[in-house]
PDB file of N, CA and C in Angstrom:
ATOM      1  N   MET A   1      -7.055  -0.501  19.611  1.00  0.00           N
ATOM      2  CA  MET A   1      -6.985   0.879  18.628  1.00  0.00           C
ATOM      3  C   MET A   1      -8.396   1.089  18.220  1.00  0.00           C
ATOM      4  N   TYR A   2      -8.488   2.215  17.901  1.00  0.00           N
ATOM      5  CA  TYR A   2     -10.041   2.958  16.944  1.00  0.00           C
ATOM      6  C   TYR A   2     -10.040   2.118  16.276  1.00  0.00           C
ATOM      7  N   LEU A   3     -10.089   1.441  15.135  1.00  0.00           N
ATOM      8  CA  LEU A   3      -9.862   1.309  14.518  1.00  0.00           C
ATOM      9  C   LEU A   3     -10.679  -0.150  14.495  1.00  0.00           C
ATOM     10  N   ASP A   4     -10.211  -0.890  14.730  1.00  0.00           N
ATOM     11  CA  ASP A   4     -10.680  -1.722  15.810  1.00  0.00           C
ATOM     12  C   ASP A   4     -11.512  -2.328  16.008  1.00  0.00           C
ATOM     13  N   GLU A   5     -11.582  -1.603  17.100  1.00  0.00           N
ATOM     14  CA  GLU A   5     -13.253  -0.932  17.272  1.00  0.00           C
ATOM     15  C   GLU A   5     -14.136  -0.594  16.742  1.00  0.00           C
ATOM     16  N   TRP A   6     -13.572   0.253  15.502  1.00  0.00           N
ATOM     17  CA  TRP A   6     -14.428   0.432  14.958  1.00  0.00           C
ATOM     18  C   TRP A   6     -15.184  -0.424  14.318  1.00  0.00           C
ATOM     19  N   PHE A   7     -13.888  -1.526  12.986  1.00  0.00           N
ATOM     20  CA  PHE A   7     -15.308  -2.622  12.549  1.00  0.00           C
ATOM     21  C   PHE A   7     -15.128  -3.812  13.147  1.00  0.00           C
ATOM     22  N   GLN A   8     -15.280  -4.030  14.835  1.00  0.00           N
ATOM     23  CA  GLN A   8     -15.991  -4.196  15.486  1.00  0.00           C
ATOM     24  C   GLN A   8     -18.105  -3.867  15.253  1.00  0.00           C
ATOM     25  N   SER A   9     -17.482  -2.996  15.952  1.00  0.00           N
ATOM     26  CA  SER A   9     -19.149  -2.142  15.757  1.00  0.00           C
ATOM     27  C   SER A   9     -19.407  -2.617  14.648  1.00  0.00           C
ATOM     28  N   LEU A  10     -19.220  -2.268  13.581  1.00  0.00           N
ATOM     29  CA  LEU A  10     -19.607  -3.079  12.127  1.00  0.00           C
ATOM     30  C   LEU A  10     -20.192  -3.780  12.257  1.00  0.00           C
ATOM     31  N   THR A  11     -19.150  -4.560  12.041  1.00  0.00           N
ATOM     32  CA  THR A  11     -19.357  -5.721  12.172  1.00  0.00           C
ATOM     33  C   THR A  11     -20.541  -6.609  13.530  1.00  0.00           C
ATOM     34  N   ALA A  12     -20.031  -6.015  14.486  1.00  0.00           N
ATOM     35  CA  ALA A  12     -21.227  -6.807  15.460  1.00  0.00           C
ATOM     36  C   ALA A  12     -22.704  -6.017  15.015  1.00  0.00           C
ATOM     37  N   LYS A  13     -22.824  -4.505  13.839  1.00  0.00           N
ATOM     38  CA  LYS A  13     -24.616  -4.103  13.273  1.00  0.00           C
ATOM     39  C   LYS A  13     -24.434  -5.114  12.426  1.00  0.00           C
ATOM     40  N   ILE A  14     -23.662  -5.856  11.043  1.00  0.00           N
ATOM     41  CA  ILE A  14     -24.171  -6.782  10.637  1.00  0.00           C
ATOM     42  C   ILE A  14     -25.505  -8.293  10.946  1.00  0.00           C
ATOM     43  N   ARG A  15     -23.850  -8.823  12.169  1.00  0.00           N
ATOM     44  CA  ARG A  15     -24.637 -10.089  13.569  1.00  0.00           C
ATOM     45  C   ARG A  15     -25.646  -9.885  13.052  1.00  0.00           C
ATOM     46  N   ALA A  16     -25.969  -8.507  14.462  1.00  0.00           N
ATOM     47  CA  ALA A  16     -27.919  -8.293  15.065  1.00  0.00           C
ATOM     48  C   ALA A  16     -28.116  -8.069  13.298  1.00  0.00           C
ATOM     49  N   ILE A  17     -27.705  -7.822  12.062  1.00  0.00           N
ATOM     50  CA  ILE A  17     -28.994  -7.347  10.982  1.00  0.00           C
ATOM     51  C   ILE A  17     -29.640  -9.085  10.940  1.00  0.00           C
ATOM     52  N   GLU A  18     -28.818  -9.084  10.537  1.00  0.00           N
ATOM     53  CA  GLU A  18     -28.865 -11.387  10.311  1.00  0.00           C
ATOM     54  C   GLU A  18     -29.633 -12.729  11.215  1.00  0.00           C
ATOM     55  N   LYS A  19     -29.299 -11.944  12.401  1.00  0.00           N
ATOM     56  CA  LYS A  19     -30.031 -12.452  14.366  1.00  0.00           C
ATOM     57  C   LYS A  19     -31.568 -12.127  13.635  1.00  0.00           C
ATOM     58  N   GLU A  20     -31.684 -11.004  13.458  1.00  0.00           N
ATOM     59  CA  GLU A  20     -32.823 -10.445  13.787  1.00  0.00           C
ATOM     60  C   GLU A  20     -33.658 -10.633  12.175  1.00  0.00           C
ATOM     61  N   TRP A  21     -33.106 -10.801  11.131  1.00  0.00           N
ATOM     62  CA  TRP A  21     -33.531 -11.101   9.632  1.00  0.00           C
ATOM     63  C   TRP A  21     -35.578 -12.477   9.517  1.00  0.00           C
ATOM     64  N   GLN A  22     -34.485 -13.006  10.295  1.00  0.00           N
ATOM     65  CA  GLN A  22     -35.173 -14.614  10.825  1.00  0.00           C
ATOM     66  C   GLN A  22     -36.896 -14.491  10.954  1.00  0.00           C
ATOM     67  N   HIS A  23     -37.176 -13.231  12.455  1.00  0.00           N
ATOM     68  CA  HIS A  23     -37.979 -12.628  12.606  1.00  0.00           C
ATOM     69  C   HIS A  23     -38.492 -11.732  12.251  1.00  0.00           C
ATOM     70  N   ALA A  24     -38.313 -11.453  11.860  1.00  0.00           N
ATOM     71  CA  ALA A  24     -39.059  -9.133  11.413  1.00  0.00           C
ATOM     72  C   ALA A  24     -40.025  -9.453  10.353  1.00  0.00           C
ATOM     73  N   SER A  25     -40.724  -8.443  11.028  1.00  0.00           N
ATOM     74  CA  SER A  25     -41.486  -8.565   9.787  1.00  0.00           C
ATOM     75  C   SER A  25     -41.132  -7.598   8.442  1.00  0.00           C
ATOM     76  N   GLU A  26     -42.375  -7.826   7.951  1.00  0.00           N
ATOM     77  CA  GLU A  26     -42.106  -7.124   6.837  1.00  0.00           C
ATOM     78  C   GLU A  26     -41.236  -5.876   6.411  1.00  0.00           C
ATOM     79  N   SER A  27     -41.960  -5.402   6.947  1.00  0.00           N
ATOM     80  CA  SER A  27     -41.219  -3.723   7.159  1.00  0.00           C
ATOM     81  C   SER A  27     -40.211  -3.534   7.768  1.00  0.00           C
ATOM     82  N   ARG A  28     -39.609  -4.168   9.122  1.00  0.00           N
ATOM     83  CA  ARG A  28     -38.553  -4.201   9.515  1.00  0.00           C
ATOM     84  C   ARG A  28     -37.820  -4.742   8.529  1.00  0.00           C
ATOM     85  N   GLN A  29     -38.010  -5.877   7.731  1.00  0.00           N
ATOM     86  CA  GLN A  29     -36.538  -6.649   6.734  1.00  0.00           C
ATOM     87  C   GLN A  29     -36.461  -5.431   5.883  1.00  0.00           C
ATOM     88  N   HIS A  30     -37.249  -4.373   5.350  1.00  0.00           N
ATOM     89  CA  HIS A  30     -37.008  -2.597   4.578  1.00  0.00           C
ATOM     90  C   HIS A  30     -35.887  -2.903   5.345  1.00  0.00           C
ATOM     91  N   GLU A  31     -36.626  -2.039   6.854  1.00  0.00           N
ATOM     92  CA  GLU A  31     -35.562  -1.202   7.369  1.00  0.00           C
ATOM     93  C   GLU A  31     -33.690  -2.053   7.916  1.00  0.00           C
ATOM     94  N   LEU A  32     -34.692  -3.088   8.125  1.00  0.00           N
ATOM     95  CA  LEU A  32     -32.720  -4.177   8.156  1.00  0.00           C
ATOM     96  C   LEU A  32     -31.827  -4.295   6.361  1.00  0.00           C
ATOM     97  N   ALA A  33     -33.082  -3.914   5.611  1.00  0.00           N
ATOM     98  CA  ALA A  33     -32.104  -4.098   4.139  1.00  0.00           C
ATOM     99  C   ALA A  33     -31.694  -2.663   3.991  1.00  0.00           C
ATOM    100  N   GLN A  34     -31.978  -1.700   3.776  1.00  0.00           N
ATOM    101  CA  GLN A  34     -31.820  -0.084   4.422  1.00  0.00           C
ATOM    102  C   GLN A  34     -30.282   0.142   4.811  1.00  0.00           C
ATOM    103  N   ASP A  35     -30.642  -0.822   6.454  1.00  0.00           N
ATOM    104  CA  ASP A  35     -28.993  -0.820   7.585  1.00  0.00           C
ATOM    105  C   ASP A  35     -27.758  -1.355   6.946  1.00  0.00           C
ATOM    106  N   LEU A  36     -28.082  -2.717   5.878  1.00  0.00           N
ATOM    107  CA  LEU A  36     -27.246  -3.028   5.059  1.00  0.00           C
ATOM    108  C   LEU A  36     -26.630  -2.240   3.940  1.00  0.00           C
ATOM    109  N   TYR A  37     -27.106  -2.203   3.248  1.00  0.00           N
ATOM    110  CA  TYR A  37     -27.275  -0.824   2.171  1.00  0.00           C
ATOM    111  C   TYR A  37     -26.039   0.238   2.499  1.00  0.00           C
ATOM    112  N   THR A  38     -26.634   0.993   3.723  1.00  0.00           N
ATOM    113  CA  THR A  38     -25.805   1.652   4.733  1.00  0.00           C
ATOM    114  C   THR A  38     -24.434   1.574   4.794  1.00  0.00           C
ATOM    115  N   LEU A  39     -24.140   0.582   5.486  1.00  0.00           N
ATOM    116  CA  LEU A  39     -23.130  -0.414   5.552  1.00  0.00           C
ATOM    117  C   LEU A  39     -22.262  -0.562   4.474  1.00  0.00           C
ATOM    118  N   ARG A  40     -22.459  -1.321   3.569  1.00  0.00           N
ATOM    119  CA  ARG A  40     -22.245  -1.948   2.314  1.00  0.00           C
ATOM    120  C   ARG A  40     -22.041  -0.659   1.578  1.00  0.00           C
ATOM    121  N   HIS A  41     -22.261   0.349   2.062  1.00  0.00           N
ATOM    122  CA  HIS A  41     -21.438   2.659   0.996  1.00  0.00           C
ATOM    123  C   HIS A  41     -20.999   2.522   2.043  1.00  0.00           C
ATOM    124  N   ILE A  42     -20.262   1.943   3.446  1.00  0.00           N
ATOM    125  CA  ILE A  42     -19.705   2.865   3.729  1.00  0.00           C
ATOM    126  C   ILE A  42     -18.580   2.149   3.725  1.00  0.00           C
ATOM    127  N   SER A  43     -18.734   0.872   3.539  1.00  0.00           N
ATOM    128  CA  SER A  43     -18.190   0.473   2.994  1.00  0.00           C
ATOM    129  C   SER A  43     -17.261  -0.111   2.234  1.00  0.00           C
ATOM    130  N   ASP A  44     -17.880   0.384   0.974  1.00  0.00           N
ATOM    131  CA  ASP A  44     -17.117   0.996  -0.369  1.00  0.00           C
ATOM    132  C   ASP A  44     -16.366   2.521  -0.339  1.00  0.00           C
ATOM    133  N   GLN A  45     -16.914   3.104   0.763  1.00  0.00           N
ATOM    134  CA  GLN A  45     -15.918   3.840   0.945  1.00  0.00           C
ATOM    135  C   GLN A  45     -15.017   3.952   1.097  1.00  0.00           C
ATOM    136  N   VAL A  46     -14.300   3.665   2.725  1.00  0.00           N
ATOM    137  CA  VAL A  46     -13.091   2.794   3.346  1.00  0.00           C
ATOM    138  C   VAL A  46     -12.297   2.213   2.898  1.00  0.00           C
ATOM    139  N   VAL A  47     -13.034   1.438   1.570  1.00  0.00           N
ATOM    140  CA  VAL A  47     -11.468   1.277  -0.489  1.00  0.00           C
ATOM    141  C   VAL A  47     -11.560   1.525  -0.457  1.00  0.00           C
ATOM    142  N   ASP A  48     -11.399   3.147  -1.073  1.00  0.00           N
ATOM    143  CA  ASP A  48     -11.943   3.564  -1.989  1.00  0.00           C
ATOM    144  C   ASP A  48     -11.428   4.688  -0.999  1.00  0.00           C
ATOM    145  N   LEU A  49     -11.497   4.964   0.649  1.00  0.00           N
ATOM    146  CA  LEU A  49     -10.247   5.936   1.047  1.00  0.00           C
ATOM    147  C   LEU A  49      -8.683   5.301   1.346  1.00  0.00           C
ATOM    148  N   TRP A  50      -8.617   4.645   1.346  1.00  0.00           N
ATOM    149  CA  TRP A  50      -7.681   3.264   2.371  1.00  0.00           C
ATOM    150  C   TRP A  50      -7.538   3.396   0.633  1.00  0.00           C
ATOM    151  N   LEU A  51      -7.585   2.535  -0.522  1.00  0.00           N
ATOM    152  CA  LEU A  51      -6.924   3.046  -1.649  1.00  0.00           C
ATOM    153  C   LEU A  51      -6.041   4.241  -2.078  1.00  0.00           C
ATOM    154  N   GLN A  52      -6.566   5.246  -2.120  1.00  0.00           N
ATOM    155  CA  GLN A  52      -5.919   6.192  -1.809  1.00  0.00           C
ATOM    156  C   GLN A  52      -4.753   7.202  -1.052  1.00  0.00           C
ATOM    157  N   TYR A  53      -5.081   6.159  -0.054  1.00  0.00           N
ATOM    158  CA  TYR A  53      -4.548   6.930   1.207  1.00  0.00           C
ATOM    159  C   TYR A  53      -2.617   5.549   0.815  1.00  0.00           C
ATOM    160  N   GLU A  54      -3.011   4.654   0.352  1.00  0.00           N
ATOM    161  CA  GLU A  54      -2.134   3.323  -0.306  1.00  0.00           C
ATOM    162  C   GLU A  54      -1.626   3.826  -1.309  1.00  0.00           C
ATOM    163  N   GLU A  55      -1.973   4.813  -1.983  1.00  0.00           N
ATOM    164  CA  GLU A  55      -1.293   4.788  -3.069  1.00  0.00           C
ATOM    165  C   GLU A  55      -0.443   6.346  -2.993  1.00  0.00           C
ATOM    166  N   SER A  56      -1.313   7.112  -2.163  1.00  0.00           N
ATOM    167  CA  SER A  56      -0.407   8.922  -1.133  1.00  0.00           C
ATOM    168  C   SER A  56       0.886   7.627  -0.674  1.00  0.00           C
ATOM    169  N   LEU A  57       0.792   6.796   0.652  1.00  0.00           N
ATOM    170  CA  LEU A  57       2.045   6.530   1.042  1.00  0.00           C
ATOM    171  C   LEU A  57       2.893   5.814  -0.038  1.00  0.00           C
ATOM    172  N   SER A  58       2.387   4.994  -0.793  1.00  0.00           N
ATOM    173  CA  SER A  58       3.524   4.381  -1.644  1.00  0.00           C
ATOM    174  C   SER A  58       3.895   5.848  -3.052  1.00  0.00           C
ATOM    175  N   LYS A  59       4.730   7.458  -3.122  1.00  0.00           N
ATOM    176  CA  LYS A  59       4.526   8.183  -3.638  1.00  0.00           C
ATOM    177  C   LYS A  59       5.060   9.243  -2.535  1.00  0.00           C
ATOM    178  N   ALA A  60       4.631   8.813  -1.252  1.00  0.00           N
ATOM    179  CA  ALA A  60       5.626   9.417  -0.334  1.00  0.00           C
ATOM    180  C   ALA A  60       7.135   8.660  -0.768  1.00  0.00           C
ATOM    181  N   ILE A  61       6.442   6.865  -0.646  1.00  0.00           N
ATOM    182  CA  ILE A  61       8.183   5.605  -0.019  1.00  0.00           C
ATOM    183  C   ILE A  61       9.208   6.010  -1.775  1.00  0.00           C
ATOM    184  N   GLY A  62       8.718   6.422  -1.809  1.00  0.00           N
ATOM    185  CA  GLY A  62       9.237   6.910  -3.994  1.00  0.00           C
ATOM    186  C   GLY A  62       9.892   7.267  -4.286  1.00  0.00           C
ATOM    187  N   ASN A  63       9.377   8.759  -3.047  1.00  0.00           N
ATOM    188  CA  ASN A  63      10.238  10.074  -3.507  1.00  0.00           C
ATOM    189  C   ASN A  63      10.713  10.468  -2.179  1.00  0.00           C
ATOM    190  N   ILE A  64      10.729   9.721  -1.855  1.00  0.00           N
ATOM    191  CA  ILE A  64      11.816  10.168  -0.684  1.00  0.00           C
ATOM    192  C   ILE A  64      12.965   8.670  -0.402  1.00  0.00           C
ATOM    193  N   LYS A  65      12.402   7.617  -0.792  1.00  0.00           N
ATOM    194  CA  LYS A  65      14.158   6.727  -1.866  1.00  0.00           C
ATOM    195  C   LYS A  65      14.711   7.390  -3.010  1.00  0.00           C
ATOM    196  N   HIS A  66      14.007   8.511  -4.069  1.00  0.00           N
ATOM    197  CA  HIS A  66      14.345   8.480  -4.999  1.00  0.00           C
ATOM    198  C   HIS A  66      15.670  10.288  -4.405  1.00  0.00           C
ATOM    199  N   MET A  67      15.016  10.152  -2.787  1.00  0.00           N
ATOM    200  CA  MET A  67      15.903  11.926  -3.206  1.00  0.00           C
ATOM    201  C   MET A  67      17.215  11.365  -1.403  1.00  0.00           C
ATOM    202  N   GLN A  68      16.801   9.949  -1.298  1.00  0.00           N
ATOM    203  CA  GLN A  68      18.098   9.104  -0.240  1.00  0.00           C
ATOM    204  C   GLN A  68      18.818   8.509  -1.683  1.00  0.00           C
ATOM    205  N   LEU A  69      18.974   7.827  -2.428  1.00  0.00           N
ATOM    206  CA  LEU A  69      19.483   8.071  -3.416  1.00  0.00           C
ATOM    207  C   LEU A  69      20.457   8.626  -3.994  1.00  0.00           C
ATOM    208  N   ALA A  70      19.752  10.498  -4.787  1.00  0.00           N
ATOM    209  CA  ALA A  70      19.763  11.594  -5.226  1.00  0.00           C
ATOM    210  C   ALA A  70      21.682  12.113  -3.456  1.00  0.00           C
ATOM    211  N   ALA A  71      21.040  12.281  -3.037  1.00  0.00           N
ATOM    212  CA  ALA A  71      21.533  12.246  -2.372  1.00  0.00           C
ATOM    213  C   ALA A  71      22.939  11.558  -1.926  1.00  0.00           C
ATOM    214  N   ALA A  72      23.020  10.808  -2.021  1.00  0.00           N
ATOM    215  CA  ALA A  72      23.790   8.970  -1.689  1.00  0.00           C
ATOM    216  C   ALA A  72      25.168   9.987  -2.914  1.00  0.00           C
ATOM    217  N   ASP A  73      24.713   9.749  -4.456  1.00  0.00           N
ATOM    218  CA  ASP A  73      25.304  10.426  -5.687  1.00  0.00           C
ATOM    219  C   ASP A  73      26.425  11.754  -4.680  1.00  0.00           C
ATOM    220  N   ALA A  74      25.298  12.686  -4.763  1.00  0.00           N
ATOM    221  CA  ALA A  74      25.435  14.024  -4.414  1.00  0.00           C
ATOM    222  C   ALA A  74      26.860  13.905  -3.983  1.00  0.00           C
ATOM    223  N   PRO A  75      27.469  13.155  -2.810  1.00  0.00           N
ATOM    224  CA  PRO A  75      29.155  13.270  -2.035  1.00  0.00           C
ATOM    225  C   PRO A  75      30.097  12.419  -3.502  1.00  0.00           C
ATOM    226  N   GLU A  76      30.027  12.307  -3.953  1.00  0.00           N
ATOM    227  CA  GLU A  76      30.508  11.387  -4.844  1.00  0.00           C
ATOM    228  C   GLU A  76      29.729  12.614  -6.022  1.00  0.00           C
ATOM    229  N   GLN A  77      29.345  12.918  -6.354  1.00  0.00           N
ATOM    230  CA  GLN A  77      29.848  14.309  -7.926  1.00  0.00           C
ATOM    231  C   GLN A  77      30.203  15.662  -6.770  1.00  0.00           C
ATOM    232  N   SER A  78      30.073  15.858  -5.519  1.00  0.00           N
ATOM    233  CA  SER A  78      31.186  16.802  -4.960  1.00  0.00           C
ATOM    234  C   SER A  78      32.588  16.226  -5.182  1.00  0.00           C
ATOM    235  N   GLN A  79      32.922  15.364  -4.271  1.00  0.00           N
ATOM    236  CA  GLN A  79      34.450  14.400  -5.155  1.00  0.00           C
ATOM    237  C   GLN A  79      34.976  14.847  -6.550  1.00  0.00           C
ATOM    238  N   VAL A  80      33.908  14.896  -7.537  1.00  0.00           N
ATOM    239  CA  VAL A  80      34.973  14.896  -8.491  1.00  0.00           C
ATOM    240  C   VAL A  80      34.218  16.898  -9.098  1.00  0.00           C
ATOM    241  N   GLU A  81      33.616  16.768  -8.185  1.00  0.00           N
ATOM    242  CA  GLU A  81      33.973  18.941  -9.112  1.00  0.00           C
ATOM    243  C   GLU A  81      34.950  19.225  -7.939  1.00  0.00           C
ATOM    244  N   GLN A  82      35.529  18.658  -6.680  1.00  0.00           N
ATOM    245  CA  GLN A  82      36.165  18.774  -5.174  1.00  0.00           C
ATOM    246  C   GLN A  82      37.750  18.776  -6.204  1.00  0.00           C
ATOM    247  N   THR A  83      38.081  17.516  -7.594  1.00  0.00           N
ATOM    248  CA  THR A  83      39.121  16.971  -8.473  1.00  0.00           C
ATOM    249  C   THR A  83      39.721  18.366  -9.473  1.00  0.00           C
ATOM    250  N   LYS A  84      38.123  18.524  -9.624  1.00  0.00           N
ATOM    251  CA  LYS A  84      37.879  19.248 -10.823  1.00  0.00           C
ATOM    252  C   LYS A  84      39.244  20.385 -11.002  1.00  0.00           C
ATOM    253  N   PRO A  85      39.330  21.618  -9.348  1.00  0.00           N
ATOM    254  CA  PRO A  85      39.878  21.962  -9.379  1.00  0.00           C
ATOM    255  C   PRO A  85      41.860  22.309  -8.772  1.00  0.00           C
ATOM    256  N   ASP A  86      41.953  20.706  -7.990  1.00  0.00           N
ATOM    257  CA  ASP A  86      43.023  20.064  -7.973  1.00  0.00           C
ATOM    258  C   ASP A  86      43.888  20.138 -10.009  1.00  0.00           C
ATOM    259  N   GLN A  87      42.927  19.110 -10.484  1.00  0.00           N
ATOM    260  CA  GLN A  87      43.177  18.977 -10.649  1.00  0.00           C
ATOM    261  C   GLN A  87      43.351  20.483 -12.284  1.00  0.00           C
ATOM    262  N   GLN A  88      43.462  20.878 -12.024  1.00  0.00           N
ATOM    263  CA  GLN A  88      43.603  22.721 -12.485  1.00  0.00           C
ATOM    264  C   GLN A  88      45.002  22.968 -12.787  1.00  0.00           C
ATOM    265  N   LYS A  89      45.231  22.441 -10.805  1.00  0.00           N
ATOM    266  CA  LYS A  89      46.069  22.936  -9.951  1.00  0.00           C
ATOM    267  C   LYS A  89      47.510  23.001 -10.843  1.00  0.00           C
ATOM    268  N   SER A  90      47.208  20.972 -11.776  1.00  0.00           N
ATOM    269  CA  SER A  90      48.058  19.608 -11.420  1.00  0.00           C
ATOM    270  C   SER A  90      48.924  20.541 -12.697  1.00  0.00           C
ATOM    271  N   GLY A  91      48.138  21.483 -13.636  1.00  0.00           N
ATOM    272  CA  GLY A  91      48.169  21.097 -14.808  1.00  0.00           C
ATOM    273  C   GLY A  91      47.924  20.863 -15.815  1.00  0.00           C
ATOM    274  N   GLY A  92      46.250  20.754 -15.055  1.00  0.00           N
ATOM    275  CA  GLY A  92      45.299  19.854 -16.581  1.00  0.00           C
ATOM    276  C   GLY A  92      45.113  21.472 -17.728  1.00  0.00           C
ATOM    277  N   LYS A  93      44.522  20.869 -18.838  1.00  0.00           N
ATOM    278  CA  LYS A  93      44.153  22.100 -19.599  1.00  0.00           C
ATOM    279  C   LYS A  93      43.056  23.293 -18.866  1.00  0.00           C
ATOM    280  N   GLY A  94      43.495  24.156 -19.108  1.00  0.00           N
ATOM    281  CA  GLY A  94      42.984  25.728 -18.736  1.00  0.00           C
ATOM    282  C   GLY A  94      43.781  25.926 -17.128  1.00  0.00           C
ATOM    283  N   GLY A  95      44.501  25.123 -16.502  1.00  0.00           N
ATOM    284  CA  GLY A  95      44.464  24.857 -15.545  1.00  0.00           C
ATOM    285  C   GLY A  95      45.756  25.726 -15.577  1.00  0.00           C
ATOM    286  N   GLN A  96      47.199  25.862 -14.120  1.00  0.00           N
ATOM    287  CA  GLN A  96      47.669  27.392 -14.174  1.00  0.00           C
ATOM    288  C   GLN A  96      48.761  27.008 -14.724  1.00  0.00           C
ATOM    289  N   ALA A  97      49.175  25.519 -15.729  1.00  0.00           N
ATOM    290  CA  ALA A  97      50.633  25.446 -16.512  1.00  0.00           C
ATOM    291  C   ALA A  97      49.485  26.292 -17.438  1.00  0.00           C
ATOM    292  N   ALA A  98      49.100  26.278 -18.136  1.00  0.00           N
ATOM    293  CA  ALA A  98      47.771  27.779 -19.006  1.00  0.00           C
ATOM    294  C   ALA A  98      48.001  28.942 -18.732  1.00  0.00           C
ATOM    295  N   MET A  99      47.552  29.247 -18.076  1.00  0.00           N
ATOM    296  CA  MET A  99      48.172  30.521 -17.319  1.00  0.00           C
ATOM    297  C   MET A  99      49.004  30.915 -17.951  1.00  0.00           C
ATOM    298  N   ASN A 100      51.157  30.038 -17.269  1.00  0.00           N
ATOM    299  CA  ASN A 100      51.275  30.946 -17.129  1.00  0.00           C
ATOM    300  C   ASN A 100      52.361  30.363 -18.491  1.00  0.00           C
ATOM    301  N   GLN A 101      51.451  30.042 -19.893  1.00  0.00           N
ATOM    302  CA  GLN A 101      52.160  30.567 -21.190  1.00  0.00           C
ATOM    303  C   GLN A 101      52.519  31.375 -21.378  1.00  0.00           C
ATOM    304  N   GLN A 102      52.610  31.807 -22.027  1.00  0.00           N
ATOM    305  CA  GLN A 102      54.064  33.126 -22.849  1.00  0.00           C
ATOM    306  C   GLN A 102      52.571  33.065 -24.316  1.00  0.00           C
ATOM    307  N   PRO A 103      51.172  34.063 -24.357  1.00  0.00           N
ATOM    308  CA  PRO A 103      51.029  34.578 -25.654  1.00  0.00           C
ATOM    309  C   PRO A 103      52.474  34.427 -27.124  1.00  0.00           C
ATOM    310  N   ALA A 104      51.805  33.766 -27.187  1.00  0.00           N
ATOM    311  CA  ALA A 104      52.379  33.841 -28.903  1.00  0.00           C
ATOM    312  C   ALA A 104      52.144  35.414 -29.550  1.00  0.00           C
ATOM    313  N   ASN A 105      53.304  35.423 -30.138  1.00  0.00           N
ATOM    314  CA  ASN A 105      53.749  36.685 -31.502  1.00  0.00           C
ATOM    315  C   ASN A 105      54.311  36.127 -32.946  1.00  0.00           C
TER     316      ASN A 105
END
């Protein structure tokens, strides 16, 4: 996987810096320190982007769960709506029986 290779290369850079540090001149150590600073900056960016990704993923999962629950409730609501017309036909309030009543004079 590409990410694995990328992190392995970053880790290899760190090891190379550590190995070279002991025998490096002061100016080279300064360059190596800059390289470490750059690696730290990359690491911080990766963590920030990962947290944004995780937040988006969590929201998407929550939204999908919400939609699934709403869809699961929808057939129950549909059944309730379907029984209302049947109740009206069988003489419930406002149904056919109410329409057949003679107006009071």
